Amino acid sequence: MSRRLIVILLIGCLGGCAKPPDLPEITIRASAAGELTAFRAELGARFTAEQLQPFDTALQELQLDAMDRGVANAGDREQVMLAAVNGKSVHEALVTGWQARRHRLLSQIALLTGLVEQNLKVQQQTAATGTPESVTTHLHNAQDIIAQLQGTLADTDRRLTEWGAKPDPVATPSKL
């Protein structure tokens, strides 16, 4: 009888000492906003803010993606995000959210590139008479923002590659 008790206690100890899953392997509970808040709090007790920052960014990017797709209400955007991550692993949410980030960055770069091209045309047309300072300022500001976005895009691509995800096949715009 004491042998059985020892075996049962040993099995119980071994089962209780099992290593908790690493962050990427954890399944997200997000059937409602409150459930995601509680889930995120549990993660906060186990992982550092630095470790959770990419996850938080992914959740935010999924809401921004919903906004870009015409979901106007913040509550509705949150529901879209919750549906996108509920039951998925943290890794899957990271990849999905950061791919949405990549898409957003590419869209912003394309928009600003169009504005730069317009300002360059105005600059050429007014070169002989003097380009207005506002055109030059807009041109430089847009080019600076594009450079920042391209840096963020490079970081996003690096992270996606680290997570074993290939960035979507949309071509990366060339630098201006």
N, C-alpha and C. Protein backbone atom coordinates (compact mmCIF):
# COMPACT_ATOMS: atom_id res chain seq x y z
N MET A 1 0.82 -1.19 0.00
CA MET A 1 0.00 0.00 0.00
C MET A 1 0.87 1.26 0.00
N SER A 2 1.92 1.27 0.78
CA SER A 2 2.77 2.45 0.83
C SER A 2 3.50 2.65 -0.50
N ARG A 3 3.76 1.56 -1.21
CA ARG A 3 4.38 1.68 -2.53
C ARG A 3 3.46 2.43 -3.50
N ARG A 4 2.20 2.08 -3.47
CA ARG A 4 1.23 2.77 -4.33
C ARG A 4 1.15 4.25 -3.98
N LEU A 5 1.14 4.55 -2.75
CA LEU A 5 1.07 5.93 -2.31
C LEU A 5 2.29 6.71 -2.78
N ILE A 6 3.45 6.12 -2.70
CA ILE A 6 4.68 6.77 -3.16
C ILE A 6 4.63 7.00 -4.66
N VAL A 7 4.17 6.00 -5.42
CA VAL A 7 4.07 6.12 -6.87
C VAL A 7 3.08 7.22 -7.23
N ILE A 8 1.95 7.26 -6.56
CA ILE A 8 0.93 8.27 -6.84
C ILE A 8 1.47 9.66 -6.52
N LEU A 9 2.15 9.80 -5.38
CA LEU A 9 2.74 11.09 -5.03
C LEU A 9 3.81 11.51 -6.02
N LEU A 10 4.62 10.56 -6.46
CA LEU A 10 5.67 10.85 -7.43
C LEU A 10 5.06 11.32 -8.75
N ILE A 11 4.05 10.64 -9.22
CA ILE A 11 3.37 11.04 -10.46
C ILE A 11 2.74 12.42 -10.29
N GLY A 12 2.12 12.65 -9.14
CA GLY A 12 1.51 13.96 -8.89
C GLY A 12 2.54 15.07 -8.87
N CYS A 13 3.69 14.80 -8.26
CA CYS A 13 4.75 15.82 -8.23
C CYS A 13 5.30 16.09 -9.62
N LEU A 14 5.51 15.03 -10.37
CA LEU A 14 6.03 15.20 -11.72
C LEU A 14 5.04 15.97 -12.60
N GLY A 15 3.77 15.67 -12.47
CA GLY A 15 2.75 16.39 -13.24
C GLY A 15 2.66 17.84 -12.82
N GLY A 16 2.81 18.11 -11.53
CA GLY A 16 2.74 19.47 -11.01
C GLY A 16 3.98 20.29 -11.33
N CYS A 17 5.07 19.61 -11.65
CA CYS A 17 6.32 20.31 -11.94
C CYS A 17 6.53 20.53 -13.44
N ALA A 18 5.53 20.19 -14.22
CA ALA A 18 5.67 20.36 -15.68
C ALA A 18 5.90 21.83 -15.99
N LYS A 19 6.78 22.07 -16.92
CA LYS A 19 7.13 23.43 -17.31
C LYS A 19 5.94 24.07 -18.01
N PRO A 20 5.55 25.28 -17.58
CA PRO A 20 4.46 25.96 -18.29
C PRO A 20 4.91 26.29 -19.71
N PRO A 21 3.96 26.40 -20.61
CA PRO A 21 4.34 26.66 -22.01
C PRO A 21 5.01 28.03 -22.17
N ASP A 22 5.89 28.10 -23.16
CA ASP A 22 6.50 29.37 -23.51
C ASP A 22 5.45 30.28 -24.11
N LEU A 23 5.71 31.57 -24.10
CA LEU A 23 4.74 32.56 -24.57
C LEU A 23 4.17 32.24 -25.95
N PRO A 24 4.99 31.92 -26.96
CA PRO A 24 4.40 31.69 -28.28
C PRO A 24 3.42 30.51 -28.35
N GLU A 25 3.54 29.58 -27.43
CA GLU A 25 2.71 28.37 -27.46
C GLU A 25 1.39 28.53 -26.73
N ILE A 26 1.23 29.58 -25.96
CA ILE A 26 0.03 29.78 -25.14
C ILE A 26 -1.17 30.09 -26.04
N THR A 27 -2.29 29.46 -25.73
CA THR A 27 -3.53 29.70 -26.48
C THR A 27 -4.25 30.91 -25.88
N ILE A 28 -4.65 31.81 -26.74
CA ILE A 28 -5.29 33.06 -26.31
C ILE A 28 -6.76 32.82 -25.98
N ARG A 29 -7.17 33.39 -24.86
CA ARG A 29 -8.59 33.37 -24.47
C ARG A 29 -9.12 34.78 -24.67
N ALA A 30 -9.98 34.94 -25.67
CA ALA A 30 -10.47 36.29 -25.99
C ALA A 30 -11.86 36.25 -26.61
N SER A 31 -12.76 35.49 -26.00
CA SER A 31 -14.11 35.46 -26.55
C SER A 31 -14.87 36.77 -26.27
N ALA A 32 -14.36 37.53 -25.31
CA ALA A 32 -14.92 38.85 -24.99
C ALA A 32 -13.77 39.73 -24.50
N ALA A 33 -14.01 41.03 -24.48
CA ALA A 33 -12.97 41.97 -24.08
C ALA A 33 -12.48 41.70 -22.66
N GLY A 34 -13.38 41.41 -21.76
CA GLY A 34 -13.00 41.13 -20.38
C GLY A 34 -12.14 39.89 -20.26
N GLU A 35 -12.44 38.90 -21.06
CA GLU A 35 -11.63 37.68 -21.03
C GLU A 35 -10.22 37.96 -21.53
N LEU A 36 -10.09 38.75 -22.59
CA LEU A 36 -8.77 39.11 -23.08
C LEU A 36 -8.01 39.93 -22.04
N THR A 37 -8.70 40.83 -21.35
CA THR A 37 -8.05 41.63 -20.31
C THR A 37 -7.52 40.73 -19.20
N ALA A 38 -8.30 39.75 -18.77
CA ALA A 38 -7.86 38.82 -17.73
C ALA A 38 -6.70 37.97 -18.25
N PHE A 39 -6.79 37.52 -19.49
CA PHE A 39 -5.72 36.73 -20.10
C PHE A 39 -4.43 37.53 -20.15
N ARG A 40 -4.54 38.78 -20.56
CA ARG A 40 -3.36 39.65 -20.66
C ARG A 40 -2.76 39.89 -19.28
N ALA A 41 -3.59 40.02 -18.27
CA ALA A 41 -3.11 40.20 -16.89
C ALA A 41 -2.34 38.95 -16.44
N GLU A 42 -2.85 37.78 -16.78
CA GLU A 42 -2.14 36.53 -16.45
C GLU A 42 -0.77 36.50 -17.14
N LEU A 43 -0.75 36.91 -18.39
CA LEU A 43 0.54 36.96 -19.09
C LEU A 43 1.49 37.94 -18.41
N GLY A 44 0.94 39.07 -17.97
CA GLY A 44 1.75 40.08 -17.30
C GLY A 44 2.36 39.59 -16.00
N ALA A 45 1.73 38.62 -15.37
CA ALA A 45 2.29 38.04 -14.15
C ALA A 45 3.43 37.07 -14.44
N ARG A 46 3.48 36.54 -15.65
CA ARG A 46 4.49 35.54 -16.02
C ARG A 46 5.61 36.08 -16.89
N PHE A 47 5.33 37.13 -17.65
CA PHE A 47 6.28 37.63 -18.63
C PHE A 47 6.51 39.12 -18.42
N THR A 48 7.66 39.60 -18.87
CA THR A 48 7.98 41.02 -18.72
C THR A 48 7.22 41.85 -19.75
N ALA A 49 7.15 43.14 -19.47
CA ALA A 49 6.50 44.06 -20.42
C ALA A 49 7.22 44.01 -21.77
N GLU A 50 8.53 43.90 -21.72
CA GLU A 50 9.32 43.83 -22.97
C GLU A 50 8.97 42.57 -23.77
N GLN A 51 8.77 41.46 -23.09
CA GLN A 51 8.39 40.23 -23.78
C GLN A 51 6.99 40.33 -24.38
N LEU A 52 6.11 41.07 -23.73
CA LEU A 52 4.72 41.17 -24.17
C LEU A 52 4.48 42.30 -25.17
N GLN A 53 5.44 43.19 -25.34
CA GLN A 53 5.26 44.33 -26.23
C GLN A 53 4.90 43.91 -27.65
N PRO A 54 5.56 42.92 -28.26
CA PRO A 54 5.15 42.53 -29.62
C PRO A 54 3.71 42.00 -29.68
N PHE A 55 3.27 41.32 -28.64
CA PHE A 55 1.89 40.81 -28.58
C PHE A 55 0.92 41.98 -28.51
N ASP A 56 1.21 42.95 -27.64
CA ASP A 56 0.34 44.12 -27.53
C ASP A 56 0.29 44.88 -28.85
N THR A 57 1.43 44.99 -29.51
CA THR A 57 1.47 45.64 -30.82
C THR A 57 0.61 44.89 -31.82
N ALA A 58 0.69 43.57 -31.80
CA ALA A 58 -0.11 42.76 -32.74
C ALA A 58 -1.61 43.01 -32.53
N LEU A 59 -2.04 43.07 -31.27
CA LEU A 59 -3.46 43.32 -30.99
C LEU A 59 -3.87 44.69 -31.50
N GLN A 60 -3.03 45.69 -31.28
CA GLN A 60 -3.32 47.04 -31.75
C GLN A 60 -3.37 47.08 -33.28
N GLU A 61 -2.43 46.40 -33.92
CA GLU A 61 -2.40 46.40 -35.39
C GLU A 61 -3.63 45.73 -35.98
N LEU A 62 -4.15 44.71 -35.31
CA LEU A 62 -5.37 44.07 -35.81
C LEU A 62 -6.56 45.02 -35.73
N GLN A 63 -6.59 45.87 -34.72
CA GLN A 63 -7.65 46.87 -34.64
C GLN A 63 -7.47 47.94 -35.71
N LEU A 64 -6.23 48.36 -35.94
CA LEU A 64 -5.96 49.33 -37.00
C LEU A 64 -6.33 48.76 -38.37
N ASP A 65 -6.06 47.47 -38.56
CA ASP A 65 -6.41 46.81 -39.81
C ASP A 65 -7.92 46.83 -40.02
N ALA A 66 -8.66 46.59 -38.95
CA ALA A 66 -10.12 46.64 -39.05
C ALA A 66 -10.58 48.05 -39.44
N MET A 67 -9.92 49.06 -38.85
CA MET A 67 -10.26 50.45 -39.19
C MET A 67 -9.96 50.72 -40.67
N ASP A 68 -8.81 50.24 -41.14
CA ASP A 68 -8.45 50.42 -42.55
C ASP A 68 -9.45 49.73 -43.49
N ARG A 69 -10.11 48.70 -42.98
CA ARG A 69 -11.09 47.98 -43.80
C ARG A 69 -12.50 48.53 -43.62
N GLY A 70 -12.59 49.71 -42.98
CA GLY A 70 -13.87 50.40 -42.91
C GLY A 70 -14.70 50.14 -41.67
N VAL A 71 -14.16 49.47 -40.66
CA VAL A 71 -14.90 49.26 -39.42
C VAL A 71 -14.73 50.54 -38.59
N ALA A 72 -15.76 51.36 -38.56
CA ALA A 72 -15.65 52.70 -38.00
C ALA A 72 -15.72 52.74 -36.48
N ASN A 73 -16.53 51.91 -35.88
CA ASN A 73 -16.75 51.95 -34.44
C ASN A 73 -15.63 51.22 -33.70
N ALA A 74 -15.09 51.86 -32.65
CA ALA A 74 -13.98 51.27 -31.89
C ALA A 74 -14.38 49.93 -31.26
N GLY A 75 -15.59 49.84 -30.77
CA GLY A 75 -16.06 48.58 -30.19
C GLY A 75 -16.12 47.47 -31.22
N ASP A 76 -16.54 47.81 -32.42
CA ASP A 76 -16.60 46.82 -33.50
C ASP A 76 -15.19 46.39 -33.92
N ARG A 77 -14.26 47.35 -33.94
CA ARG A 77 -12.87 47.01 -34.26
C ARG A 77 -12.29 46.06 -33.22
N GLU A 78 -12.64 46.31 -31.97
CA GLU A 78 -12.17 45.41 -30.90
C GLU A 78 -12.74 44.01 -31.10
N GLN A 79 -14.01 43.93 -31.47
CA GLN A 79 -14.63 42.62 -31.70
C GLN A 79 -13.96 41.88 -32.86
N VAL A 80 -13.60 42.60 -33.90
CA VAL A 80 -12.89 42.00 -35.03
C VAL A 80 -11.54 41.44 -34.56
N MET A 81 -10.84 42.22 -33.75
CA MET A 81 -9.55 41.78 -33.22
C MET A 81 -9.73 40.55 -32.34
N LEU A 82 -10.72 40.58 -31.45
CA LEU A 82 -10.95 39.44 -30.56
C LEU A 82 -11.24 38.17 -31.36
N ALA A 83 -12.06 38.29 -32.39
CA ALA A 83 -12.38 37.13 -33.23
C ALA A 83 -11.14 36.61 -33.95
N ALA A 84 -10.25 37.53 -34.31
CA ALA A 84 -9.04 37.13 -35.04
C ALA A 84 -8.05 36.35 -34.17
N VAL A 85 -8.06 36.60 -32.84
CA VAL A 85 -7.05 35.96 -31.98
C VAL A 85 -7.61 34.89 -31.06
N ASN A 86 -8.88 34.89 -30.79
CA ASN A 86 -9.45 33.94 -29.83
C ASN A 86 -9.19 32.50 -30.26
N GLY A 87 -8.61 31.72 -29.35
CA GLY A 87 -8.33 30.32 -29.62
C GLY A 87 -7.05 30.05 -30.39
N LYS A 88 -6.39 31.11 -30.79
CA LYS A 88 -5.14 30.96 -31.53
C LYS A 88 -3.97 31.03 -30.55
N SER A 89 -2.82 30.58 -30.99
CA SER A 89 -1.62 30.71 -30.16
C SER A 89 -1.12 32.15 -30.21
N VAL A 90 -0.34 32.51 -29.22
CA VAL A 90 0.26 33.85 -29.22
C VAL A 90 1.10 34.01 -30.48
N HIS A 91 1.80 32.96 -30.88
CA HIS A 91 2.62 33.02 -32.10
C HIS A 91 1.76 33.35 -33.31
N GLU A 92 0.62 32.68 -33.45
CA GLU A 92 -0.27 32.95 -34.59
C GLU A 92 -0.77 34.40 -34.55
N ALA A 93 -1.09 34.89 -33.36
CA ALA A 93 -1.55 36.28 -33.24
C ALA A 93 -0.43 37.25 -33.59
N LEU A 94 0.79 36.93 -33.16
CA LEU A 94 1.92 37.79 -33.50
C LEU A 94 2.07 37.90 -35.02
N VAL A 95 2.07 36.77 -35.68
CA VAL A 95 2.26 36.77 -37.13
C VAL A 95 1.13 37.51 -37.82
N THR A 96 -0.11 37.23 -37.44
CA THR A 96 -1.26 37.88 -38.07
C THR A 96 -1.23 39.40 -37.84
N GLY A 97 -0.96 39.81 -36.60
CA GLY A 97 -0.94 41.23 -36.28
C GLY A 97 0.21 41.97 -36.95
N TRP A 98 1.39 41.33 -36.99
CA TRP A 98 2.54 42.00 -37.59
C TRP A 98 2.46 41.98 -39.11
N GLN A 99 1.77 41.02 -39.70
CA GLN A 99 1.53 41.08 -41.14
C GLN A 99 0.57 42.22 -41.45
N ALA A 100 -0.40 42.43 -40.58
CA ALA A 100 -1.31 43.58 -40.75
C ALA A 100 -0.51 44.89 -40.62
N ARG A 101 0.44 44.91 -39.70
CA ARG A 101 1.31 46.08 -39.54
C ARG A 101 2.09 46.34 -40.82
N ARG A 102 2.63 45.28 -41.39
CA ARG A 102 3.41 45.39 -42.63
C ARG A 102 2.54 45.98 -43.75
N HIS A 103 1.34 45.47 -43.86
CA HIS A 103 0.42 45.95 -44.89
C HIS A 103 0.11 47.43 -44.69
N ARG A 104 -0.12 47.83 -43.43
CA ARG A 104 -0.41 49.24 -43.13
C ARG A 104 0.77 50.13 -43.49
N LEU A 105 1.97 49.69 -43.13
CA LEU A 105 3.16 50.48 -43.44
C LEU A 105 3.34 50.64 -44.95
N LEU A 106 3.13 49.56 -45.68
CA LEU A 106 3.26 49.64 -47.14
C LEU A 106 2.23 50.60 -47.73
N SER A 107 1.02 50.59 -47.20
CA SER A 107 -0.03 51.51 -47.67
C SER A 107 0.35 52.96 -47.38
N GLN A 108 0.87 53.21 -46.19
CA GLN A 108 1.26 54.57 -45.84
C GLN A 108 2.43 55.05 -46.69
N ILE A 109 3.39 54.16 -46.93
CA ILE A 109 4.53 54.52 -47.77
C ILE A 109 4.05 54.85 -49.19
N ALA A 110 3.13 54.05 -49.72
CA ALA A 110 2.62 54.29 -51.06
C ALA A 110 1.89 55.64 -51.12
N LEU A 111 1.09 55.94 -50.12
CA LEU A 111 0.36 57.22 -50.09
C LEU A 111 1.33 58.39 -50.06
N LEU A 112 2.32 58.32 -49.19
CA LEU A 112 3.28 59.41 -49.08
C LEU A 112 4.17 59.52 -50.32
N THR A 113 4.46 58.40 -50.94
CA THR A 113 5.26 58.43 -52.16
C THR A 113 4.51 59.20 -53.25
N GLY A 114 3.19 59.01 -53.32
CA GLY A 114 2.38 59.78 -54.26
C GLY A 114 2.43 61.27 -53.97
N LEU A 115 2.39 61.63 -52.69
CA LEU A 115 2.48 63.05 -52.32
C LEU A 115 3.85 63.63 -52.67
N VAL A 116 4.91 62.84 -52.47
CA VAL A 116 6.26 63.30 -52.82
C VAL A 116 6.34 63.53 -54.33
N GLU A 117 5.78 62.62 -55.11
CA GLU A 117 5.82 62.78 -56.56
C GLU A 117 5.08 64.04 -56.99
N GLN A 118 3.94 64.32 -56.36
CA GLN A 118 3.21 65.55 -56.68
C GLN A 118 4.04 66.79 -56.33
N ASN A 119 4.65 66.77 -55.16
CA ASN A 119 5.46 67.92 -54.74
C ASN A 119 6.70 68.08 -55.62
N LEU A 120 7.27 66.98 -56.08
CA LEU A 120 8.42 67.07 -56.99
C LEU A 120 8.01 67.72 -58.31
N LYS A 121 6.81 67.40 -58.79
CA LYS A 121 6.31 68.03 -60.03
C LYS A 121 6.14 69.53 -59.83
N VAL A 122 5.54 69.90 -58.71
CA VAL A 122 5.35 71.33 -58.42
C VAL A 122 6.71 72.01 -58.30
N GLN A 123 7.64 71.34 -57.66
CA GLN A 123 8.99 71.90 -57.50
C GLN A 123 9.64 72.13 -58.87
N GLN A 124 9.49 71.19 -59.77
CA GLN A 124 10.06 71.34 -61.12
C GLN A 124 9.36 72.48 -61.88
N GLN A 125 8.04 72.56 -61.74
CA GLN A 125 7.28 73.58 -62.45
C GLN A 125 7.58 74.98 -61.95
N THR A 126 7.96 75.09 -60.69
CA THR A 126 8.18 76.42 -60.11
C THR A 126 9.66 76.73 -59.88
N ALA A 127 10.53 75.86 -60.36
CA ALA A 127 11.97 76.05 -60.12
C ALA A 127 12.46 77.38 -60.69
N ALA A 128 11.98 77.75 -61.87
CA ALA A 128 12.46 78.98 -62.51
C ALA A 128 12.00 80.23 -61.77
N THR A 129 10.82 80.17 -61.19
CA THR A 129 10.27 81.36 -60.52
C THR A 129 10.44 81.30 -59.00
N GLY A 130 10.91 80.20 -58.51
CA GLY A 130 11.10 80.03 -57.06
C GLY A 130 10.03 79.14 -56.46
N THR A 131 10.45 77.99 -56.03
CA THR A 131 9.52 77.03 -55.43
C THR A 131 9.04 77.56 -54.09
N PRO A 132 7.73 77.55 -53.87
CA PRO A 132 7.21 78.00 -52.58
C PRO A 132 7.82 77.18 -51.43
N GLU A 133 8.09 77.84 -50.34
CA GLU A 133 8.70 77.18 -49.18
C GLU A 133 7.81 76.04 -48.66
N SER A 134 6.50 76.22 -48.77
CA SER A 134 5.58 75.18 -48.28
C SER A 134 5.76 73.88 -49.07
N VAL A 135 6.00 73.98 -50.37
CA VAL A 135 6.21 72.79 -51.18
C VAL A 135 7.49 72.09 -50.76
N THR A 136 8.54 72.85 -50.58
CA THR A 136 9.82 72.28 -50.15
C THR A 136 9.69 71.64 -48.78
N THR A 137 8.98 72.31 -47.87
CA THR A 137 8.78 71.77 -46.52
C THR A 137 7.98 70.47 -46.58
N HIS A 138 6.89 70.46 -47.33
CA HIS A 138 6.08 69.24 -47.47
C HIS A 138 6.90 68.11 -48.06
N LEU A 139 7.70 68.43 -49.05
CA LEU A 139 8.53 67.42 -49.70
C LEU A 139 9.51 66.80 -48.70
N HIS A 140 10.21 67.62 -47.96
CA HIS A 140 11.19 67.11 -46.99
C HIS A 140 10.51 66.34 -45.86
N ASN A 141 9.38 66.84 -45.39
CA ASN A 141 8.66 66.15 -44.32
C ASN A 141 8.20 64.78 -44.77
N ALA A 142 7.62 64.71 -45.95
CA ALA A 142 7.15 63.42 -46.47
C ALA A 142 8.31 62.45 -46.66
N GLN A 143 9.44 62.94 -47.16
CA GLN A 143 10.60 62.07 -47.35
C GLN A 143 11.13 61.56 -46.01
N ASP A 144 11.12 62.42 -44.99
CA ASP A 144 11.55 62.00 -43.66
C ASP A 144 10.62 60.94 -43.08
N ILE A 145 9.32 61.15 -43.24
CA ILE A 145 8.35 60.18 -42.73
C ILE A 145 8.49 58.85 -43.47
N ILE A 146 8.68 58.90 -44.77
CA ILE A 146 8.87 57.67 -45.55
C ILE A 146 10.10 56.92 -45.05
N ALA A 147 11.17 57.63 -44.77
CA ALA A 147 12.39 56.97 -44.25
C ALA A 147 12.11 56.30 -42.91
N GLN A 148 11.35 56.96 -42.04
CA GLN A 148 10.99 56.36 -40.76
C GLN A 148 10.13 55.12 -40.96
N LEU A 149 9.15 55.23 -41.85
CA LEU A 149 8.27 54.09 -42.12
C LEU A 149 9.05 52.91 -42.70
N GLN A 150 10.01 53.21 -43.56
CA GLN A 150 10.82 52.14 -44.14
C GLN A 150 11.67 51.45 -43.08
N GLY A 151 12.16 52.21 -42.10
CA GLY A 151 12.89 51.61 -40.99
C GLY A 151 11.98 50.70 -40.16
N THR A 152 10.76 51.16 -39.90
CA THR A 152 9.80 50.35 -39.17
C THR A 152 9.41 49.11 -39.98
N LEU A 153 9.28 49.27 -41.28
CA LEU A 153 8.97 48.14 -42.15
C LEU A 153 10.10 47.10 -42.12
N ALA A 154 11.34 47.56 -42.15
CA ALA A 154 12.48 46.63 -42.08
C ALA A 154 12.47 45.87 -40.76
N ASP A 155 12.16 46.56 -39.66
CA ASP A 155 12.06 45.89 -38.36
C ASP A 155 10.92 44.88 -38.35
N THR A 156 9.80 45.25 -38.95
CA THR A 156 8.65 44.35 -39.02
C THR A 156 9.01 43.10 -39.81
N ASP A 157 9.66 43.27 -40.95
CA ASP A 157 10.07 42.12 -41.76
C ASP A 157 11.05 41.22 -41.00
N ARG A 158 11.96 41.86 -40.25
CA ARG A 158 12.93 41.08 -39.47
C ARG A 158 12.21 40.23 -38.42
N ARG A 159 11.26 40.83 -37.72
CA ARG A 159 10.52 40.08 -36.70
C ARG A 159 9.71 38.95 -37.33
N LEU A 160 9.04 39.23 -38.42
CA LEU A 160 8.26 38.17 -39.08
C LEU A 160 9.17 37.01 -39.48
N THR A 161 10.35 37.32 -39.99
CA THR A 161 11.30 36.29 -40.38
C THR A 161 11.76 35.50 -39.14
N GLU A 162 12.03 36.20 -38.04
CA GLU A 162 12.42 35.53 -36.80
C GLU A 162 11.34 34.57 -36.32
N TRP A 163 10.09 34.91 -36.55
CA TRP A 163 8.98 34.07 -36.12
C TRP A 163 8.64 32.99 -37.14
N GLY A 164 9.47 32.88 -38.17
CA GLY A 164 9.26 31.84 -39.17
C GLY A 164 8.17 32.13 -40.17
N ALA A 165 7.79 33.38 -40.27
CA ALA A 165 6.75 33.78 -41.22
C ALA A 165 7.39 34.60 -42.32
N LYS A 166 7.03 34.29 -43.52
CA LYS A 166 7.52 35.09 -44.64
C LYS A 166 6.63 36.31 -44.77
N PRO A 167 7.25 37.47 -44.95
CA PRO A 167 6.41 38.65 -45.21
C PRO A 167 5.57 38.39 -46.46
N ASP A 168 4.35 38.95 -46.47
CA ASP A 168 3.48 38.71 -47.63
C ASP A 168 4.17 39.19 -48.90
N PRO A 169 3.77 38.64 -50.03
CA PRO A 169 4.51 38.89 -51.27
C PRO A 169 4.39 40.28 -51.86
N VAL A 170 3.71 41.19 -51.17
CA VAL A 170 3.60 42.56 -51.69
C VAL A 170 5.02 43.14 -51.76
N ALA A 171 5.35 43.71 -52.87
CA ALA A 171 6.70 44.26 -53.06
C ALA A 171 6.94 45.42 -52.11
N THR A 172 8.12 45.49 -51.58
CA THR A 172 8.52 46.61 -50.73
C THR A 172 8.87 47.79 -51.62
N PRO A 173 8.32 48.95 -51.33
CA PRO A 173 8.61 50.11 -52.19
C PRO A 173 10.09 50.49 -52.10
N SER A 174 10.60 51.04 -53.17
CA SER A 174 12.00 51.47 -53.18
C SER A 174 12.11 52.76 -52.41
N LYS A 175 13.31 53.02 -51.92
CA LYS A 175 13.55 54.26 -51.17
C LYS A 175 13.58 55.44 -52.13
N LEU A 176 13.11 56.56 -51.65
CA LEU A 176 13.13 57.78 -52.46
C LEU A 176 14.41 58.52 -52.23
